[in-house]
């Protein structure tokens, strides 16, 4: 019985670790997305930092990535950035963020 409990505990610990890592990677990706969009929008210094925080916070509106995609698309559509461009950049920066944690 003890080995079953040990396996259960190890599985729970791995799950918690994986979820924490996923959260960190997504947060880093969102920071990169905010930096990318802020540059396109011509934001500088404190305005840029504030915008990055807005982008990061926008990902907490609803589950998944649609909330952050909507925000970035709305902010960038006047700069000829399509929703597909935002999705591609999100995927590209997700890979960059993953590399940061490996």
N, C-alpha and C. Protein backbone atom coordinates (compact mmCIF):
# COMPACT_ATOMS: atom_id res chain seq x y z
N UNK A 1 0.82 -1.19 0.00
CA UNK A 1 0.00 0.00 0.00
C UNK A 1 0.86 1.25 0.00
N UNK A 2 1.99 1.17 0.65
CA UNK A 2 2.87 2.33 0.74
C UNK A 2 3.39 2.75 -0.63
N UNK A 3 3.73 1.80 -1.49
CA UNK A 3 4.26 2.16 -2.81
C UNK A 3 3.18 2.83 -3.66
N UNK A 4 1.93 2.41 -3.48
CA UNK A 4 0.83 3.07 -4.20
C UNK A 4 0.70 4.52 -3.75
N UNK A 5 0.77 4.75 -2.46
CA UNK A 5 0.68 6.12 -1.93
C UNK A 5 1.88 6.95 -2.40
N UNK A 6 3.04 6.35 -2.46
CA UNK A 6 4.24 7.05 -2.95
C UNK A 6 4.07 7.44 -4.41
N UNK A 7 3.56 6.53 -5.21
CA UNK A 7 3.32 6.81 -6.63
C UNK A 7 2.29 7.92 -6.79
N UNK A 8 1.24 7.85 -6.00
CA UNK A 8 0.20 8.88 -6.05
C UNK A 8 0.79 10.25 -5.70
N UNK A 9 1.57 10.31 -4.65
CA UNK A 9 2.19 11.56 -4.20
C UNK A 9 3.14 12.09 -5.27
N UNK A 10 3.93 11.20 -5.88
CA UNK A 10 4.86 11.62 -6.93
C UNK A 10 4.11 12.16 -8.14
N UNK A 11 3.02 11.52 -8.49
CA UNK A 11 2.21 11.99 -9.61
C UNK A 11 1.63 13.37 -9.31
N UNK A 12 1.11 13.56 -8.11
CA UNK A 12 0.56 14.86 -7.72
C UNK A 12 1.63 15.94 -7.75
N UNK A 13 2.82 15.61 -7.27
CA UNK A 13 3.92 16.58 -7.29
C UNK A 13 4.33 16.94 -8.71
N UNK A 14 4.39 15.93 -9.58
CA UNK A 14 4.75 16.19 -10.98
C UNK A 14 3.69 17.06 -11.64
N UNK A 15 2.43 16.76 -11.40
CA UNK A 15 1.34 17.55 -11.96
C UNK A 15 1.45 19.01 -11.51
N UNK A 16 1.66 19.23 -10.22
CA UNK A 16 1.79 20.59 -9.68
C UNK A 16 2.98 21.31 -10.32
N UNK A 17 4.09 20.61 -10.45
CA UNK A 17 5.28 21.19 -11.07
C UNK A 17 5.01 21.56 -12.53
N UNK A 18 4.37 20.65 -13.27
CA UNK A 18 4.08 20.90 -14.68
C UNK A 18 3.14 22.10 -14.85
N UNK A 19 2.14 22.21 -13.99
CA UNK A 19 1.20 23.33 -14.06
C UNK A 19 1.90 24.66 -13.73
N UNK A 20 2.78 24.63 -12.75
CA UNK A 20 3.54 25.84 -12.40
C UNK A 20 4.44 26.26 -13.56
N UNK A 21 5.09 25.29 -14.18
CA UNK A 21 5.96 25.58 -15.32
C UNK A 21 5.15 26.14 -16.49
N UNK A 22 3.99 25.56 -16.75
CA UNK A 22 3.11 26.04 -17.81
C UNK A 22 2.70 27.49 -17.56
N UNK A 23 2.36 27.81 -16.31
CA UNK A 23 1.98 29.17 -15.95
C UNK A 23 3.15 30.14 -16.19
N UNK A 24 4.34 29.75 -15.79
CA UNK A 24 5.52 30.60 -15.96
C UNK A 24 5.83 30.83 -17.44
N UNK A 25 5.74 29.78 -18.23
CA UNK A 25 6.01 29.89 -19.67
C UNK A 25 4.98 30.82 -20.32
N UNK A 26 3.71 30.65 -19.99
CA UNK A 26 2.67 31.51 -20.57
C UNK A 26 2.83 32.96 -20.12
N UNK A 27 3.23 33.17 -18.88
CA UNK A 27 3.46 34.53 -18.40
C UNK A 27 4.61 35.20 -19.15
N UNK A 28 5.67 34.45 -19.37
CA UNK A 28 6.82 34.97 -20.12
C UNK A 28 6.42 35.26 -21.56
N UNK A 29 5.65 34.35 -22.16
CA UNK A 29 5.15 34.57 -23.52
C UNK A 29 4.32 35.85 -23.59
N UNK A 30 3.47 36.05 -22.61
CA UNK A 30 2.63 37.24 -22.60
C UNK A 30 3.45 38.52 -22.45
N UNK A 31 4.52 38.44 -21.68
CA UNK A 31 5.42 39.59 -21.56
C UNK A 31 6.06 39.89 -22.91
N UNK A 32 6.52 38.86 -23.58
CA UNK A 32 7.11 39.05 -24.91
C UNK A 32 6.08 39.62 -25.90
N UNK A 33 4.83 39.13 -25.82
CA UNK A 33 3.78 39.67 -26.69
C UNK A 33 3.55 41.15 -26.40
N UNK A 34 3.53 41.51 -25.14
CA UNK A 34 3.36 42.91 -24.77
C UNK A 34 4.49 43.78 -25.29
N UNK A 35 5.71 43.28 -25.21
CA UNK A 35 6.86 44.03 -25.73
C UNK A 35 6.75 44.21 -27.24
N UNK A 36 6.38 43.14 -27.92
CA UNK A 36 6.22 43.17 -29.38
C UNK A 36 5.16 44.21 -29.77
N UNK A 37 4.00 44.14 -29.14
CA UNK A 37 2.91 45.06 -29.48
C UNK A 37 3.25 46.50 -29.10
N UNK A 38 3.89 46.69 -27.96
CA UNK A 38 4.26 48.03 -27.52
C UNK A 38 5.21 48.69 -28.52
N UNK A 39 6.11 47.90 -29.07
CA UNK A 39 7.05 48.41 -30.07
C UNK A 39 6.29 48.86 -31.32
N UNK A 40 5.36 48.04 -31.78
CA UNK A 40 4.57 48.39 -32.96
C UNK A 40 3.76 49.65 -32.72
N UNK A 41 3.24 49.79 -31.49
CA UNK A 41 2.41 50.95 -31.15
C UNK A 41 3.24 52.19 -30.82
N UNK A 42 4.55 52.03 -30.76
CA UNK A 42 5.43 53.18 -30.50
C UNK A 42 5.44 53.63 -29.06
N UNK A 43 5.14 52.74 -28.13
CA UNK A 43 5.13 53.10 -26.71
C UNK A 43 6.55 53.08 -26.18
N UNK A 44 6.82 54.01 -25.28
CA UNK A 44 8.16 54.15 -24.71
C UNK A 44 8.10 54.19 -23.19
N UNK A 45 9.18 53.79 -22.57
CA UNK A 45 9.42 53.91 -21.14
C UNK A 45 8.25 53.41 -20.28
N UNK A 46 7.73 54.31 -19.42
CA UNK A 46 6.69 53.91 -18.48
C UNK A 46 5.40 53.50 -19.20
N UNK A 47 5.08 54.18 -20.29
CA UNK A 47 3.89 53.81 -21.06
C UNK A 47 4.04 52.39 -21.62
N UNK A 48 5.23 52.05 -22.04
CA UNK A 48 5.51 50.70 -22.54
C UNK A 48 5.34 49.67 -21.43
N UNK A 49 5.91 49.93 -20.27
CA UNK A 49 5.80 49.00 -19.14
C UNK A 49 4.35 48.81 -18.72
N UNK A 50 3.58 49.90 -18.70
CA UNK A 50 2.17 49.82 -18.34
C UNK A 50 1.40 48.98 -19.36
N UNK A 51 1.71 49.16 -20.63
CA UNK A 51 1.03 48.40 -21.68
C UNK A 51 1.36 46.91 -21.55
N UNK A 52 2.59 46.58 -21.28
CA UNK A 52 2.99 45.18 -21.11
C UNK A 52 2.18 44.54 -19.98
N UNK A 53 2.02 45.26 -18.88
CA UNK A 53 1.21 44.75 -17.77
C UNK A 53 -0.25 44.55 -18.18
N UNK A 54 -0.78 45.47 -18.99
CA UNK A 54 -2.15 45.32 -19.48
C UNK A 54 -2.30 44.05 -20.30
N UNK A 55 -1.32 43.78 -21.15
CA UNK A 55 -1.36 42.57 -21.98
C UNK A 55 -1.31 41.33 -21.09
N UNK A 56 -0.42 41.33 -20.12
CA UNK A 56 -0.30 40.18 -19.21
C UNK A 56 -1.62 39.96 -18.47
N UNK A 57 -2.19 41.03 -17.95
CA UNK A 57 -3.46 40.92 -17.20
C UNK A 57 -4.61 40.49 -18.09
N UNK A 58 -4.57 40.85 -19.36
CA UNK A 58 -5.68 40.51 -20.25
C UNK A 58 -5.83 39.01 -20.42
N UNK A 59 -4.78 38.26 -20.18
CA UNK A 59 -4.84 36.80 -20.34
C UNK A 59 -5.61 36.13 -19.20
N UNK A 60 -5.95 36.88 -18.17
CA UNK A 60 -6.70 36.32 -17.04
C UNK A 60 -8.20 36.53 -17.18
N UNK A 61 -8.65 37.12 -18.28
CA UNK A 61 -10.07 37.41 -18.47
C UNK A 61 -10.91 36.15 -18.65
N UNK A 62 -10.38 35.21 -19.41
CA UNK A 62 -11.11 33.98 -19.68
C UNK A 62 -10.10 32.87 -19.94
N UNK A 63 -10.51 31.61 -19.81
CA UNK A 63 -9.57 30.51 -20.05
C UNK A 63 -9.10 30.48 -21.51
N UNK A 64 -7.88 30.03 -21.69
CA UNK A 64 -7.34 29.93 -23.05
C UNK A 64 -6.68 31.22 -23.49
N UNK A 65 -6.37 31.28 -24.77
CA UNK A 65 -5.63 32.42 -25.32
C UNK A 65 -6.50 33.43 -26.04
N UNK A 66 -7.78 33.16 -26.19
CA UNK A 66 -8.63 34.05 -26.99
C UNK A 66 -8.70 35.46 -26.42
N UNK A 67 -8.65 35.61 -25.10
CA UNK A 67 -8.73 36.93 -24.49
C UNK A 67 -7.53 37.80 -24.87
N UNK A 68 -6.35 37.23 -24.82
CA UNK A 68 -5.15 38.00 -25.15
C UNK A 68 -5.07 38.26 -26.66
N UNK A 69 -5.53 37.30 -27.45
CA UNK A 69 -5.55 37.49 -28.91
C UNK A 69 -6.50 38.63 -29.27
N UNK A 70 -7.68 38.65 -28.65
CA UNK A 70 -8.65 39.72 -28.91
C UNK A 70 -8.07 41.09 -28.57
N UNK A 71 -7.43 41.19 -27.39
CA UNK A 71 -6.85 42.47 -26.97
C UNK A 71 -5.79 42.94 -27.96
N UNK A 72 -4.88 42.07 -28.29
CA UNK A 72 -3.80 42.47 -29.19
C UNK A 72 -4.34 42.82 -30.58
N UNK A 73 -5.27 42.03 -31.06
CA UNK A 73 -5.85 42.33 -32.37
C UNK A 73 -6.54 43.70 -32.36
N UNK A 74 -7.33 43.96 -31.33
CA UNK A 74 -8.01 45.25 -31.23
C UNK A 74 -7.01 46.41 -31.18
N UNK A 75 -5.94 46.22 -30.44
CA UNK A 75 -4.93 47.28 -30.30
C UNK A 75 -4.11 47.47 -31.57
N UNK A 76 -3.94 46.42 -32.35
CA UNK A 76 -3.01 46.47 -33.49
C UNK A 76 -3.68 46.51 -34.86
N UNK A 77 -4.99 46.38 -34.91
CA UNK A 77 -5.64 46.29 -36.22
C UNK A 77 -5.43 47.55 -37.06
N UNK A 78 -5.28 48.71 -36.43
CA UNK A 78 -5.01 49.94 -37.18
C UNK A 78 -3.57 50.00 -37.71
N UNK A 79 -2.75 49.07 -37.28
CA UNK A 79 -1.35 48.98 -37.74
C UNK A 79 -1.19 47.86 -38.77
N UNK A 80 -2.32 47.44 -39.36
CA UNK A 80 -2.33 46.39 -40.38
C UNK A 80 -1.81 45.04 -39.87
N UNK A 81 -2.11 44.75 -38.61
CA UNK A 81 -1.77 43.45 -38.02
C UNK A 81 -3.07 42.66 -37.94
N UNK A 82 -3.10 41.51 -38.58
CA UNK A 82 -4.32 40.69 -38.61
C UNK A 82 -4.39 39.81 -37.36
N UNK A 83 -5.56 39.23 -37.15
CA UNK A 83 -5.71 38.29 -36.04
C UNK A 83 -4.79 37.09 -36.27
N UNK A 84 -4.64 36.68 -37.51
CA UNK A 84 -3.74 35.57 -37.83
C UNK A 84 -2.29 35.93 -37.50
N UNK A 85 -1.90 37.19 -37.76
CA UNK A 85 -0.54 37.64 -37.40
C UNK A 85 -0.32 37.52 -35.89
N UNK A 86 -1.34 37.91 -35.13
CA UNK A 86 -1.25 37.83 -33.67
C UNK A 86 -1.10 36.37 -33.24
N UNK A 87 -1.89 35.49 -33.82
CA UNK A 87 -1.82 34.06 -33.47
C UNK A 87 -0.44 33.48 -33.81
N UNK A 88 0.10 33.85 -34.96
CA UNK A 88 1.42 33.36 -35.35
C UNK A 88 2.50 33.86 -34.40
N UNK A 89 2.40 35.13 -34.01
CA UNK A 89 3.38 35.70 -33.09
C UNK A 89 3.26 35.04 -31.72
N UNK A 90 2.03 34.76 -31.29
CA UNK A 90 1.79 34.08 -30.02
C UNK A 90 2.49 32.72 -30.02
N UNK A 91 2.33 31.96 -31.09
CA UNK A 91 2.97 30.64 -31.18
C UNK A 91 4.48 30.74 -31.23
N UNK A 92 4.97 31.73 -31.98
CA UNK A 92 6.43 31.93 -32.07
C UNK A 92 7.01 32.27 -30.70
N UNK A 93 6.35 33.18 -29.99
CA UNK A 93 6.87 33.61 -28.70
C UNK A 93 6.66 32.56 -27.61
N UNK A 94 5.69 31.69 -27.79
CA UNK A 94 5.52 30.57 -26.87
C UNK A 94 6.75 29.66 -26.95
N UNK A 95 7.23 29.41 -28.16
CA UNK A 95 8.44 28.59 -28.33
C UNK A 95 9.65 29.27 -27.70
N UNK A 96 9.75 30.58 -27.87
CA UNK A 96 10.86 31.34 -27.26
C UNK A 96 10.79 31.23 -25.74
N UNK A 97 9.60 31.40 -25.17
CA UNK A 97 9.43 31.33 -23.72
C UNK A 97 9.76 29.92 -23.19
N UNK A 98 9.38 28.90 -23.94
CA UNK A 98 9.69 27.53 -23.52
C UNK A 98 11.20 27.32 -23.44
N UNK A 99 11.91 27.87 -24.41
CA UNK A 99 13.37 27.73 -24.42
C UNK A 99 13.99 28.42 -23.20
N UNK A 100 13.36 29.51 -22.74
CA UNK A 100 13.87 30.22 -21.57
C UNK A 100 13.86 29.34 -20.31
N UNK A 101 12.96 28.37 -20.27
CA UNK A 101 12.82 27.54 -19.07
C UNK A 101 13.43 26.14 -19.22
N UNK A 102 14.04 25.86 -20.34
CA UNK A 102 14.65 24.55 -20.53
C UNK A 102 16.13 24.57 -20.31
